[in-house]
Amino acid sequence: DIEVGAKRIAALLDPLPLSVEVVTNNLDEMLSQAELFSSWAPNIVVKIPQITQDGIPCCGVINALENRKIKVNATATLSLGQVILAAKAGATYISIFFGRVADEGGNATEVIINSVKWIERWGYKSKIIVGSIRSTGDILNAAMTGAHALTIPPQLLSKMVDHKYTRETVKQFVNDAQKAKRMMDKAITETTIK
């Protein structure tokens, strides 16, 4: 059950936000679902797409929800233009899809940097979240953009932590420490015997 799961996760994350996405192409149903989802926990943020499957803009839905004090994550964002419209509509968060921007031949890093600059320059409250991260290179590039948050798949986090030369360095530290201990023990033994 989505409601039970969302409430459990929201309780674990509280006070951090949990995004729950609407599952409809109808603007009125988006409003109804958002009202329902946001009633489950105070830290739930409702994900609203930039446009419907039919290309109908959802900025009116974003604005209506924010006016009702329901926090919105404007999702499926692929351009600075979409960021501007979502920020003007009042979105609390705007999720830029890094990998999908690149899939279309765009420069995702540039889109994010320009989005952050624009939001800061004009004083909007929206925070940029970077999603659709597919590689450690994407993580590093996105991390340098000034985005407020990155959504990183767990398998990529483990790749960032591990590095063969780090392992070799740690192994050398252990070997050096053991060697130093043996030398100190030998020096103490020789000093005691004399």
C-alpha atoms as a PDB file:
ATOM      1  CA  ASP A   1       0.000   0.000   0.000  1.00  0.00           C
ATOM      2  CA  ILE A   2       1.509   3.324  -1.113  1.00  0.00           C
ATOM      3  CA  GLU A   3       0.022   5.305   1.762  1.00  0.00           C
ATOM      4  CA  VAL A   4       1.405   2.986   4.449  1.00  0.00           C
ATOM      5  CA  GLY A   5       4.828   2.899   2.800  1.00  0.00           C
ATOM      6  CA  ALA A   6       4.960   6.665   2.301  1.00  0.00           C
ATOM      7  CA  LYS A   7       3.952   7.317   5.919  1.00  0.00           C
ATOM      8  CA  ARG A   8       6.644   4.932   7.193  1.00  0.00           C
ATOM      9  CA  ILE A   9       9.382   6.454   5.058  1.00  0.00           C
ATOM     10  CA  ALA A  10       8.246  10.009   5.873  1.00  0.00           C
ATOM     11  CA  ALA A  11       8.428   9.194   9.598  1.00  0.00           C
ATOM     12  CA  LEU A  12      11.950   7.824   9.196  1.00  0.00           C
ATOM     13  CA  LEU A  13      13.095  10.884   7.236  1.00  0.00           C
ATOM     14  CA  ASP A  14      11.289  13.531   9.297  1.00  0.00           C
ATOM     15  CA  PRO A  15      12.050  16.438   9.183  1.00  0.00           C
ATOM     16  CA  LEU A  16      13.729  15.808   5.808  1.00  0.00           C
ATOM     17  CA  PRO A  17      11.396  15.796   2.790  1.00  0.00           C
ATOM     18  CA  LEU A  18      10.013  12.760   0.994  1.00  0.00           C
ATOM     19  CA  SER A  19       8.843  13.229  -2.604  1.00  0.00           C
ATOM     20  CA  VAL A  20       5.727  11.316  -3.682  1.00  0.00           C
ATOM     21  CA  GLU A  21       4.778  11.531  -7.367  1.00  0.00           C
ATOM     22  CA  VAL A  22       1.304  11.926  -8.819  1.00  0.00           C
ATOM     23  CA  VAL A  23       0.270   9.125 -11.171  1.00  0.00           C
ATOM     24  CA  THR A  24      -2.136  10.771 -13.572  1.00  0.00           C
ATOM     25  CA  ASN A  25      -2.141  12.790 -16.772  1.00  0.00           C
ATOM     26  CA  ASN A  26      -5.208  14.822 -15.722  1.00  0.00           C
ATOM     27  CA  LEU A  27      -4.582  18.221 -14.109  1.00  0.00           C
ATOM     28  CA  ASP A  28      -7.614  18.047 -11.785  1.00  0.00           C
ATOM     29  CA  GLU A  29      -6.621  14.557 -10.644  1.00  0.00           C
ATOM     30  CA  MET A  30      -3.090  15.850  -9.983  1.00  0.00           C
ATOM     31  CA  LEU A  31      -4.572  18.405  -7.595  1.00  0.00           C
ATOM     32  CA  SER A  32      -6.672  15.744  -5.838  1.00  0.00           C
ATOM     33  CA  GLN A  33      -3.787  13.283  -5.548  1.00  0.00           C
ATOM     34  CA  ALA A  34      -1.490  16.024  -4.261  1.00  0.00           C
ATOM     35  CA  GLU A  35      -4.014  16.985  -1.570  1.00  0.00           C
ATOM     36  CA  LEU A  36      -4.249  13.341  -0.505  1.00  0.00           C
ATOM     37  CA  PHE A  37      -0.499  12.632  -0.557  1.00  0.00           C
ATOM     38  CA  SER A  38       0.368  15.776   1.382  1.00  0.00           C
ATOM     39  CA  SER A  39      -2.143  14.836   4.101  1.00  0.00           C
ATOM     40  CA  TRP A  40      -0.127  11.706   4.930  1.00  0.00           C
ATOM     41  CA  ALA A  41       2.789  13.538   6.595  1.00  0.00           C
ATOM     42  CA  PRO A  42       3.985  17.135   6.976  1.00  0.00           C
ATOM     43  CA  ASN A  43       7.300  16.427   5.234  1.00  0.00           C
ATOM     44  CA  ILE A  44       5.785  14.995   2.050  1.00  0.00           C
ATOM     45  CA  VAL A  45       6.569  16.959  -1.098  1.00  0.00           C
ATOM     46  CA  VAL A  46       4.425  16.212  -4.151  1.00  0.00           C
ATOM     47  CA  LYS A  47       6.170  15.589  -7.462  1.00  0.00           C
ATOM     48  CA  ILE A  48       4.376  17.262 -10.356  1.00  0.00           C
ATOM     49  CA  PRO A  49       5.733  16.880 -13.908  1.00  0.00           C
ATOM     50  CA  GLN A  50       6.586  19.974 -15.947  1.00  0.00           C
ATOM     51  CA  ILE A  51       4.061  18.878 -18.580  1.00  0.00           C
ATOM     52  CA  THR A  52       1.590  16.054 -19.107  1.00  0.00           C
ATOM     53  CA  GLN A  53       2.114  13.230 -21.599  1.00  0.00           C
ATOM     54  CA  ASP A  54       0.099  15.344 -24.038  1.00  0.00           C
ATOM     55  CA  GLY A  55       2.339  18.399 -23.613  1.00  0.00           C
ATOM     56  CA  ILE A  56      -0.041  20.373 -21.387  1.00  0.00           C
ATOM     57  CA  PRO A  57       1.960  22.576 -18.975  1.00  0.00           C
ATOM     58  CA  CYS A  58       1.502  21.857 -15.260  1.00  0.00           C
ATOM     59  CA  CYS A  59       2.631  25.274 -13.957  1.00  0.00           C
ATOM     60  CA  GLY A  60      -0.960  26.091 -12.956  1.00  0.00           C
ATOM     61  CA  VAL A  61      -1.107  22.933 -10.829  1.00  0.00           C
ATOM     62  CA  ILE A  62       2.261  23.759  -9.248  1.00  0.00           C
ATOM     63  CA  ASN A  63       1.113  27.289  -8.445  1.00  0.00           C
ATOM     64  CA  ALA A  64      -2.269  26.164  -7.069  1.00  0.00           C
ATOM     65  CA  LEU A  65      -0.627  23.606  -4.767  1.00  0.00           C
ATOM     66  CA  GLU A  66       2.028  26.007  -3.497  1.00  0.00           C
ATOM     67  CA  ASN A  67      -0.733  28.561  -2.811  1.00  0.00           C
ATOM     68  CA  ARG A  68      -2.412  25.856  -0.695  1.00  0.00           C
ATOM     69  CA  LYS A  69       0.885  25.431   1.213  1.00  0.00           C
ATOM     70  CA  ILE A  70       1.550  22.044  -0.408  1.00  0.00           C
ATOM     71  CA  LYS A  71       5.227  21.766  -1.275  1.00  0.00           C
ATOM     72  CA  VAL A  72       5.921  20.776  -4.877  1.00  0.00           C
ATOM     73  CA  ASN A  73       8.877  19.134  -6.591  1.00  0.00           C
ATOM     74  CA  ALA A  74       8.592  20.118 -10.278  1.00  0.00           C
ATOM     75  CA  THR A  75       9.959  17.018 -11.962  1.00  0.00           C
ATOM     76  CA  ALA A  76      11.047  15.858 -15.417  1.00  0.00           C
ATOM     77  CA  THR A  77      12.879  19.162 -15.896  1.00  0.00           C
ATOM     78  CA  LEU A  78      15.255  19.280 -18.849  1.00  0.00           C
ATOM     79  CA  SER A  79      15.872  22.968 -19.606  1.00  0.00           C
ATOM     80  CA  LEU A  80      16.531  26.367 -18.063  1.00  0.00           C
ATOM     81  CA  GLY A  81      13.214  27.542 -19.510  1.00  0.00           C
ATOM     82  CA  GLN A  82      11.360  24.870 -17.554  1.00  0.00           C
ATOM     83  CA  VAL A  83      13.293  25.827 -14.402  1.00  0.00           C
ATOM     84  CA  ILE A  84      12.261  29.470 -14.816  1.00  0.00           C
ATOM     85  CA  LEU A  85       8.587  28.575 -15.274  1.00  0.00           C
ATOM     86  CA  ALA A  86       8.569  26.196 -12.289  1.00  0.00           C
ATOM     87  CA  ALA A  87      10.301  28.752 -10.050  1.00  0.00           C
ATOM     88  CA  LYS A  88       7.848  31.459 -11.098  1.00  0.00           C
ATOM     89  CA  ALA A  89       4.985  29.026 -10.364  1.00  0.00           C
ATOM     90  CA  GLY A  90       6.389  28.689  -6.837  1.00  0.00           C
ATOM     91  CA  ALA A  91       7.893  25.178  -6.852  1.00  0.00           C
ATOM     92  CA  THR A  92       9.771  24.420  -3.642  1.00  0.00           C
ATOM     93  CA  TYR A  93      12.044  21.990  -5.492  1.00  0.00           C
ATOM     94  CA  ILE A  94      12.898  21.561  -9.167  1.00  0.00           C
ATOM     95  CA  SER A  95      14.340  18.218 -10.291  1.00  0.00           C
ATOM     96  CA  ILE A  96      16.633  18.450 -13.307  1.00  0.00           C
ATOM     97  CA  PHE A  97      17.269  15.092 -15.001  1.00  0.00           C
ATOM     98  CA  PHE A  98      21.022  15.102 -15.672  1.00  0.00           C
ATOM     99  CA  GLY A  99      21.201  11.951 -17.799  1.00  0.00           C
ATOM    100  CA  ARG A 100      18.170  12.803 -19.886  1.00  0.00           C
ATOM    101  CA  VAL A 101      19.463  16.290 -20.701  1.00  0.00           C
ATOM    102  CA  ALA A 102      22.653  14.620 -21.953  1.00  0.00           C
ATOM    103  CA  ASP A 103      20.628  11.999 -23.876  1.00  0.00           C
ATOM    104  CA  GLU A 104      19.117  14.838 -25.908  1.00  0.00           C
ATOM    105  CA  GLY A 105      22.554  16.280 -26.679  1.00  0.00           C
ATOM    106  CA  GLY A 106      22.329  19.027 -24.076  1.00  0.00           C
ATOM    107  CA  ASN A 107      24.950  20.100 -21.568  1.00  0.00           C
ATOM    108  CA  ALA A 108      23.415  19.101 -18.238  1.00  0.00           C
ATOM    109  CA  THR A 109      26.144  20.782 -16.199  1.00  0.00           C
ATOM    110  CA  GLU A 110      25.512  24.084 -17.970  1.00  0.00           C
ATOM    111  CA  VAL A 111      21.729  23.786 -17.512  1.00  0.00           C
ATOM    112  CA  ILE A 112      22.158  23.258 -13.759  1.00  0.00           C
ATOM    113  CA  ILE A 113      24.744  26.021 -13.283  1.00  0.00           C
ATOM    114  CA  ASN A 114      22.568  28.505 -15.187  1.00  0.00           C
ATOM    115  CA  SER A 115      19.468  27.403 -13.270  1.00  0.00           C
ATOM    116  CA  VAL A 116      21.128  27.913  -9.887  1.00  0.00           C
ATOM    117  CA  LYS A 117      22.493  31.307 -10.995  1.00  0.00           C
ATOM    118  CA  TRP A 118      19.094  32.422 -12.279  1.00  0.00           C
ATOM    119  CA  ILE A 119      17.265  31.370  -9.106  1.00  0.00           C
ATOM    120  CA  GLU A 120      19.828  33.098  -6.887  1.00  0.00           C
ATOM    121  CA  ARG A 121      19.963  36.241  -9.036  1.00  0.00           C
ATOM    122  CA  TRP A 122      16.201  36.748  -8.950  1.00  0.00           C
ATOM    123  CA  GLY A 123      15.694  35.589  -5.360  1.00  0.00           C
ATOM    124  CA  TYR A 124      13.379  32.634  -5.907  1.00  0.00           C
ATOM    125  CA  LYS A 125      13.009  30.087  -3.098  1.00  0.00           C
ATOM    126  CA  SER A 126      13.217  27.017  -5.353  1.00  0.00           C
ATOM    127  CA  LYS A 127      15.962  24.484  -4.682  1.00  0.00           C
ATOM    128  CA  ILE A 128      17.556  22.490  -7.501  1.00  0.00           C
ATOM    129  CA  ILE A 129      17.670  18.694  -7.184  1.00  0.00           C
ATOM    130  CA  VAL A 130      19.718  16.746  -9.728  1.00  0.00           C
ATOM    131  CA  GLY A 131      18.386  13.322 -10.661  1.00  0.00           C
ATOM    132  CA  SER A 132      18.919  10.803 -13.473  1.00  0.00           C
ATOM    133  CA  ILE A 133      22.540  10.386 -12.422  1.00  0.00           C
ATOM    134  CA  ARG A 134      24.096   7.415 -14.184  1.00  0.00           C
ATOM    135  CA  SER A 135      27.823   7.473 -13.442  1.00  0.00           C
ATOM    136  CA  THR A 136      30.382   8.683 -10.920  1.00  0.00           C
ATOM    137  CA  GLY A 137      31.377  11.263 -13.539  1.00  0.00           C
ATOM    138  CA  ASP A 138      27.802  12.586 -13.492  1.00  0.00           C
ATOM    139  CA  ILE A 139      27.989  12.839  -9.693  1.00  0.00           C
ATOM    140  CA  LEU A 140      31.234  14.801  -9.779  1.00  0.00           C
ATOM    141  CA  ASN A 141      30.000  17.127 -12.529  1.00  0.00           C
ATOM    142  CA  ALA A 142      26.666  17.711 -10.782  1.00  0.00           C
ATOM    143  CA  ALA A 143      28.389  18.273  -7.429  1.00  0.00           C
ATOM    144  CA  MET A 144      30.291  21.231  -8.877  1.00  0.00           C
ATOM    145  CA  THR A 145      27.198  23.017 -10.215  1.00  0.00           C
ATOM    146  CA  GLY A 146      25.865  24.517  -6.997  1.00  0.00           C
ATOM    147  CA  ALA A 147      22.768  22.300  -7.037  1.00  0.00           C
ATOM    148  CA  HIS A 148      21.128  21.968  -3.635  1.00  0.00           C
ATOM    149  CA  ALA A 149      20.769  18.162  -3.694  1.00  0.00           C
ATOM    150  CA  LEU A 150      21.722  15.144  -5.791  1.00  0.00           C
ATOM    151  CA  THR A 151      19.766  11.902  -5.960  1.00  0.00           C
ATOM    152  CA  ILE A 152      22.452   9.234  -6.263  1.00  0.00           C
ATOM    153  CA  PRO A 153      21.833   5.526  -6.861  1.00  0.00           C
ATOM    154  CA  PRO A 154      23.413   3.434  -4.052  1.00  0.00           C
ATOM    155  CA  GLN A 155      25.578   1.430  -6.470  1.00  0.00           C
ATOM    156  CA  LEU A 156      27.281   4.661  -7.579  1.00  0.00           C
ATOM    157  CA  LEU A 157      27.983   5.730  -3.996  1.00  0.00           C
ATOM    158  CA  SER A 158      29.916   2.526  -3.370  1.00  0.00           C
ATOM    159  CA  LYS A 159      31.938   3.148  -6.547  1.00  0.00           C
ATOM    160  CA  MET A 160      32.837   6.619  -5.284  1.00  0.00           C
ATOM    161  CA  VAL A 161      34.065   5.311  -1.938  1.00  0.00           C
ATOM    162  CA  ASP A 162      36.222   2.515  -3.324  1.00  0.00           C
ATOM    163  CA  HIS A 163      39.449   3.159  -5.228  1.00  0.00           C
ATOM    164  CA  LYS A 164      42.193   0.603  -5.785  1.00  0.00           C
ATOM    165  CA  TYR A 165      44.950   3.073  -4.871  1.00  0.00           C
ATOM    166  CA  THR A 166      43.151   3.978  -1.660  1.00  0.00           C
ATOM    167  CA  ARG A 167      43.115   0.285  -0.776  1.00  0.00           C
ATOM    168  CA  GLU A 168      46.833   0.011  -1.584  1.00  0.00           C
ATOM    169  CA  THR A 169      47.577   3.119   0.485  1.00  0.00           C
ATOM    170  CA  VAL A 170      45.637   1.774   3.476  1.00  0.00           C
ATOM    171  CA  LYS A 171      47.427  -1.573   3.130  1.00  0.00           C
ATOM    172  CA  GLN A 172      50.769   0.267   3.137  1.00  0.00           C
ATOM    173  CA  PHE A 173      49.724   2.225   6.265  1.00  0.00           C
ATOM    174  CA  VAL A 174      48.952  -1.042   8.074  1.00  0.00           C
ATOM    175  CA  ASN A 175      52.216  -2.651   6.928  1.00  0.00           C
ATOM    176  CA  ASP A 176      54.231   0.429   7.957  1.00  0.00           C
ATOM    177  CA  ALA A 177      52.545   0.530  11.369  1.00  0.00           C
ATOM    178  CA  GLN A 178      53.251  -3.167  11.952  1.00  0.00           C
ATOM    179  CA  LYS A 179      56.885  -2.679  10.880  1.00  0.00           C
ATOM    180  CA  ALA A 180      57.255   0.349  13.184  1.00  0.00           C
ATOM    181  CA  LYS A 181      55.780  -1.645  16.088  1.00  0.00           C
ATOM    182  CA  ARG A 182      58.245  -4.501  15.497  1.00  0.00           C
ATOM    183  CA  MET A 183      61.140  -2.023  15.405  1.00  0.00           C
ATOM    184  CA  MET A 184      59.964  -0.354  18.640  1.00  0.00           C
ATOM    185  CA  ASP A 185      59.506  -3.736  20.343  1.00  0.00           C
ATOM    186  CA  LYS A 186      63.022  -4.749  19.253  1.00  0.00           C
ATOM    187  CA  ALA A 187      64.512  -1.452  20.481  1.00  0.00           C
ATOM    188  CA  ILE A 188      62.747  -1.812  23.845  1.00  0.00           C
ATOM    189  CA  THR A 189      63.918  -5.421  24.181  1.00  0.00           C
ATOM    190  CA  GLU A 190      67.526  -4.523  23.319  1.00  0.00           C
ATOM    191  CA  THR A 191      67.506  -1.569  25.739  1.00  0.00           C
ATOM    192  CA  THR A 192      66.083  -3.725  28.534  1.00  0.00           C
ATOM    193  CA  ILE A 193      68.656  -6.497  28.015  1.00  0.00           C
ATOM    194  CA  LYS A 194      71.665  -4.134  28.287  1.00  0.00           C
END
